[in-house]
Protein backbone atom coordinates (compact mmCIF):
# COMPACT_ATOMS: atom_id res chain seq x y z
CA MET A 1 4.68 -8.72 -4.27
CA ARG A 2 5.74 -10.93 -1.41
CA PRO A 3 8.63 -9.91 0.86
CA VAL A 4 11.90 -11.78 0.32
CA VAL A 5 13.57 -13.35 3.36
CA LEU A 6 17.35 -13.72 3.00
CA VAL A 7 19.19 -16.34 5.07
CA HIS A 8 22.98 -16.58 4.99
CA GLY A 9 25.27 -19.59 5.19
CA PHE A 10 27.48 -20.89 7.98
CA ALA A 11 30.02 -18.38 9.36
CA SER A 12 28.49 -15.58 7.28
CA SER A 13 25.79 -13.00 8.02
CA PHE A 14 23.04 -11.01 6.34
CA GLN A 15 25.50 -8.15 5.73
CA ARG A 16 28.32 -10.32 4.40
CA GLU A 17 26.23 -12.67 2.25
CA TRP A 18 23.58 -10.40 0.81
CA VAL A 19 24.26 -6.70 1.38
CA ASP A 20 27.95 -6.40 0.55
CA PRO A 21 27.78 -8.32 -2.79
CA GLY A 22 24.76 -6.26 -3.93
CA TRP A 23 21.95 -8.83 -3.68
CA THR A 24 19.74 -6.54 -1.60
CA LEU A 25 20.20 -3.63 -3.99
CA LEU A 26 19.18 -5.72 -7.00
CA LEU A 27 16.13 -7.11 -5.21
CA GLU A 28 15.06 -3.64 -4.06
CA GLU A 29 15.44 -2.35 -7.61
CA ALA A 30 13.07 -5.15 -8.63
CA GLY A 31 10.53 -3.77 -6.16
CA ARG A 32 10.96 -6.38 -3.45
CA GLU A 33 10.81 -5.75 0.29
CA ILE A 34 13.84 -7.32 2.01
CA VAL A 35 13.74 -9.18 5.31
CA GLY A 36 17.25 -9.99 6.52
CA VAL A 37 18.01 -12.66 9.09
CA ASP A 38 21.11 -13.35 11.14
CA MET A 39 20.96 -16.91 12.42
CA LEU A 40 21.85 -17.65 16.02
CA GLY A 41 25.62 -17.46 16.52
CA HIS A 42 26.12 -15.24 13.47
CA GLY A 43 26.19 -11.57 12.57
CA GLU A 44 24.25 -9.40 15.01
CA ALA A 45 22.45 -12.34 16.62
CA PRO A 46 23.28 -13.65 20.11
CA LYS A 47 26.27 -16.01 20.19
CA PRO A 48 25.83 -18.67 22.88
CA HIS A 49 28.60 -21.22 23.41
CA ASP A 50 26.30 -24.11 24.39
CA PRO A 51 25.50 -26.48 21.48
CA ALA A 52 22.05 -27.14 22.99
CA ALA A 53 21.12 -23.50 22.32
CA TYR A 54 21.30 -24.22 18.59
CA ALA A 55 18.86 -27.15 18.61
CA ASP A 56 16.22 -24.95 16.93
CA LEU A 57 18.35 -23.10 14.41
CA GLY A 58 15.28 -22.07 12.43
CA GLY A 59 13.67 -20.11 15.26
CA ARG A 60 14.90 -16.67 14.19
CA ILE A 61 13.98 -17.44 10.58
CA ARG A 62 10.42 -18.44 11.50
CA ASP A 63 10.12 -15.21 13.49
CA ALA A 64 11.16 -13.23 10.41
CA ILE A 65 8.69 -15.11 8.20
CA GLY A 66 5.77 -14.55 10.56
CA ASP A 67 2.45 -15.65 9.13
CA GLY A 68 3.78 -15.45 5.55
CA PRO A 69 3.62 -16.09 2.77
CA VAL A 70 7.07 -14.91 1.75
CA ASP A 71 9.61 -15.75 -0.89
CA ALA A 72 12.96 -16.79 0.54
CA ILE A 73 16.57 -17.19 -0.55
CA GLY A 74 19.04 -19.18 1.50
CA PHE A 75 22.61 -20.29 1.04
CA SER A 76 24.27 -23.44 2.40
CA LEU A 77 23.26 -23.82 6.07
CA GLY A 78 20.60 -21.14 5.57
CA ALA A 79 19.25 -23.01 2.56
CA ARG A 80 19.09 -26.30 4.43
CA THR A 81 17.29 -24.63 7.33
CA LEU A 82 14.77 -23.01 4.99
CA LEU A 83 14.01 -26.41 3.49
CA GLU A 84 13.47 -27.83 6.97
CA ILE A 85 11.02 -25.02 7.75
CA ALA A 86 9.23 -25.39 4.41
CA ALA A 87 8.79 -29.13 4.93
CA ALA A 88 6.91 -28.40 8.15
CA ALA A 89 4.96 -25.36 6.89
CA PRO A 90 4.96 -25.02 3.09
CA GLU A 91 2.02 -22.61 3.24
CA LYS A 92 4.34 -19.90 4.60
CA PHE A 93 6.23 -19.70 1.30
CA GLY A 94 5.55 -18.58 -2.23
CA ARG A 95 8.85 -19.49 -3.88
CA LEU A 96 12.13 -20.76 -2.47
CA VAL A 97 15.67 -20.39 -3.79
CA VAL A 98 18.30 -22.57 -2.12
CA GLY A 99 21.95 -22.17 -3.07
CA GLY A 100 25.03 -24.18 -2.17
CA VAL A 101 22.99 -27.33 -1.51
CA GLY A 102 22.45 -30.60 -3.35
CA ASP A 103 21.74 -34.26 -2.78
CA ALA A 104 24.64 -34.54 -0.30
CA THR A 105 23.10 -31.88 1.96
CA PHE A 106 20.65 -34.28 3.59
CA SER A 107 22.73 -37.43 3.38
CA ARG A 108 23.92 -38.94 6.62
CA GLY A 109 27.58 -38.01 6.85
CA ASP A 110 30.28 -38.90 9.32
CA PRO A 111 29.64 -37.00 12.60
CA ALA A 112 33.39 -36.95 13.13
CA LEU A 113 33.74 -34.56 10.18
CA GLY A 114 31.54 -31.97 11.87
CA GLU A 115 33.56 -32.30 15.04
CA ALA A 116 36.81 -31.98 13.10
CA MET A 117 35.49 -28.81 11.42
CA ALA A 118 34.52 -27.39 14.81
CA ARG A 119 38.02 -28.04 16.14
CA ALA A 120 39.54 -26.44 13.02
CA ILE A 121 37.48 -23.31 13.59
CA GLU A 122 38.68 -23.26 17.19
CA GLY A 123 42.27 -23.21 15.93
CA GLU A 124 43.31 -26.85 15.62
CA GLU A 125 45.34 -27.67 12.51
CA ALA A 126 43.15 -29.37 9.89
CA GLU A 127 44.35 -31.81 7.26
CA HIS A 128 41.32 -31.68 4.96
CA PRO A 129 41.42 -28.73 2.48
CA MET A 130 37.67 -28.06 2.87
CA MET A 131 38.02 -27.76 6.64
CA ARG A 132 40.97 -25.39 6.25
CA ALA A 133 38.91 -23.30 3.83
CA PHE A 134 35.98 -23.11 6.26
CA ALA A 135 38.34 -22.20 9.10
CA ARG A 136 39.79 -19.34 7.03
CA PHE A 137 36.31 -18.14 6.06
CA ALA A 138 35.12 -18.32 9.68
CA ALA A 139 38.12 -16.29 10.87
CA GLY A 140 36.66 -13.14 9.31
CA ASN A 141 33.41 -11.23 9.74
CA ASN A 142 33.97 -10.64 13.49
CA ASN A 143 32.88 -14.22 14.11
CA ASP A 144 33.01 -15.89 17.50
CA PRO A 145 34.81 -19.24 16.98
CA LYS A 146 33.25 -20.80 20.09
CA ALA A 147 29.76 -19.86 18.93
CA LEU A 148 30.38 -21.28 15.45
CA SER A 149 31.80 -24.52 16.82
CA ALA A 150 28.79 -24.81 19.15
CA CYS A 151 26.52 -24.39 16.11
CA LEU A 152 28.33 -27.26 14.39
CA ARG A 153 27.92 -29.43 17.48
CA ARG A 154 24.18 -28.72 17.80
CA PRO A 155 21.83 -31.66 18.41
CA GLY A 156 19.24 -32.75 15.88
CA GLY A 157 19.62 -32.64 12.12
CA GLY A 158 17.36 -35.57 11.33
CA ASP A 159 15.57 -36.50 8.14
CA VAL A 160 13.56 -33.90 6.20
CA ASP A 161 10.46 -34.85 4.21
CA LEU A 162 11.34 -33.12 0.96
CA ARG A 163 8.12 -34.36 -0.67
CA ALA A 164 6.18 -32.13 1.73
CA ILE A 165 7.71 -29.00 0.16
CA THR A 166 5.00 -28.35 -2.42
CA VAL A 167 6.03 -24.80 -3.41
CA PRO A 168 8.31 -24.05 -6.38
CA VAL A 169 11.97 -24.42 -5.40
CA LEU A 170 15.07 -23.40 -7.35
CA VAL A 171 18.22 -25.32 -6.36
CA VAL A 172 21.56 -23.76 -7.35
CA ALA A 173 25.08 -25.07 -6.81
CA GLY A 174 28.42 -25.14 -8.55
CA ASP A 175 29.65 -28.15 -10.48
CA ARG A 176 32.79 -28.11 -8.27
CA ASP A 177 30.85 -27.99 -4.99
CA THR A 178 31.81 -31.29 -3.39
CA LEU A 179 30.12 -30.28 -0.14
CA ALA A 180 26.66 -29.84 -1.69
CA GLY A 181 26.66 -32.66 -4.21
CA SER A 182 24.24 -32.55 -7.15
CA PRO A 183 21.62 -29.75 -7.21
CA THR A 184 19.78 -31.63 -9.94
CA ALA A 185 19.46 -34.75 -7.80
CA LEU A 186 18.07 -32.66 -4.93
CA ALA A 187 15.62 -30.84 -7.21
CA ASP A 188 14.37 -34.21 -8.49
CA GLN A 189 13.33 -35.12 -4.94
CA LEU A 190 11.09 -32.04 -4.67
CA PRO A 191 7.51 -31.96 -6.03
CA ASP A 192 8.18 -28.69 -7.89
CA GLY A 193 11.94 -28.42 -8.01
CA ARG A 194 14.27 -27.21 -10.72
CA ALA A 195 18.05 -26.89 -10.76
CA VAL A 196 20.75 -24.59 -12.06
CA VAL A 197 24.35 -25.85 -12.17
CA LEU A 198 27.01 -23.13 -12.10
CA LYS A 199 29.98 -24.01 -14.29
CA LYS A 200 33.48 -24.02 -12.78
CA VAL A 201 32.16 -22.81 -9.41
CA ASP A 202 32.91 -24.29 -5.97
CA HIS A 203 31.00 -23.88 -2.71
CA PHE A 204 32.63 -20.62 -1.70
CA GLY A 205 32.22 -18.97 -5.08
CA ALA A 206 28.56 -19.76 -5.63
CA ALA A 207 26.95 -17.06 -3.49
CA ASN A 208 28.50 -14.23 -5.51
CA ASP A 209 28.27 -15.87 -8.92
CA PHE A 210 26.29 -13.87 -11.48
CA GLY A 211 24.67 -17.08 -12.69
CA PHE A 212 23.16 -17.59 -9.24
CA ILE A 213 21.95 -14.00 -9.07
CA ASP A 214 20.47 -13.98 -12.58
CA ALA A 215 18.71 -17.32 -12.11
CA THR A 216 17.27 -16.16 -8.79
CA LEU A 217 15.91 -12.88 -10.11
CA ALA A 218 14.32 -14.65 -13.08
CA PHE A 219 12.79 -17.33 -10.86
CA LEU A 220 11.30 -14.91 -8.37
CA THR A 221 9.66 -12.84 -11.08
């Protein structure tokens, strides 16, 4: 069986996203080799404070993938980055699971929102509830606020050719995830995409939802 690469979301880490909730244990019990990744600015990875250092956020993930092929699971920012990598090199993947993403993930949003979130993480009072929630989440896990804000201010983030991702992709998000948008609409843009909508689940609850875990294990087998 192919190894499984696990990529966490923004302000999280391999340990926080996948080890602590039991994902790695379940995958190992299914006979899968685990390859964990901490993205730049997160977990045990270096934490530069220069936004330019984050221009290639997928570099550490590509190093973990190597020549492939691998299966991969990503959440939120990790999921988006996996899709970017798969669009450029689909041959490196067998199957992809992307959680906490939907049709809003690749839409062109207001750059001011990203800047406002960066300032909230740095300690500025935020008015928007989602920004306050991210700021609270980022305050844990021994995170470096300046590194996380630099990640948010990174250059790039252009269009992704979703039609180039020819491998099977499972898209999972909660029906209350206003950040991700519709997982079904995103899956429809993929050549071999399918979607699972988690009922009564928001962005922060999706990663640990049993519906996400069960759907992933079934998809990868």
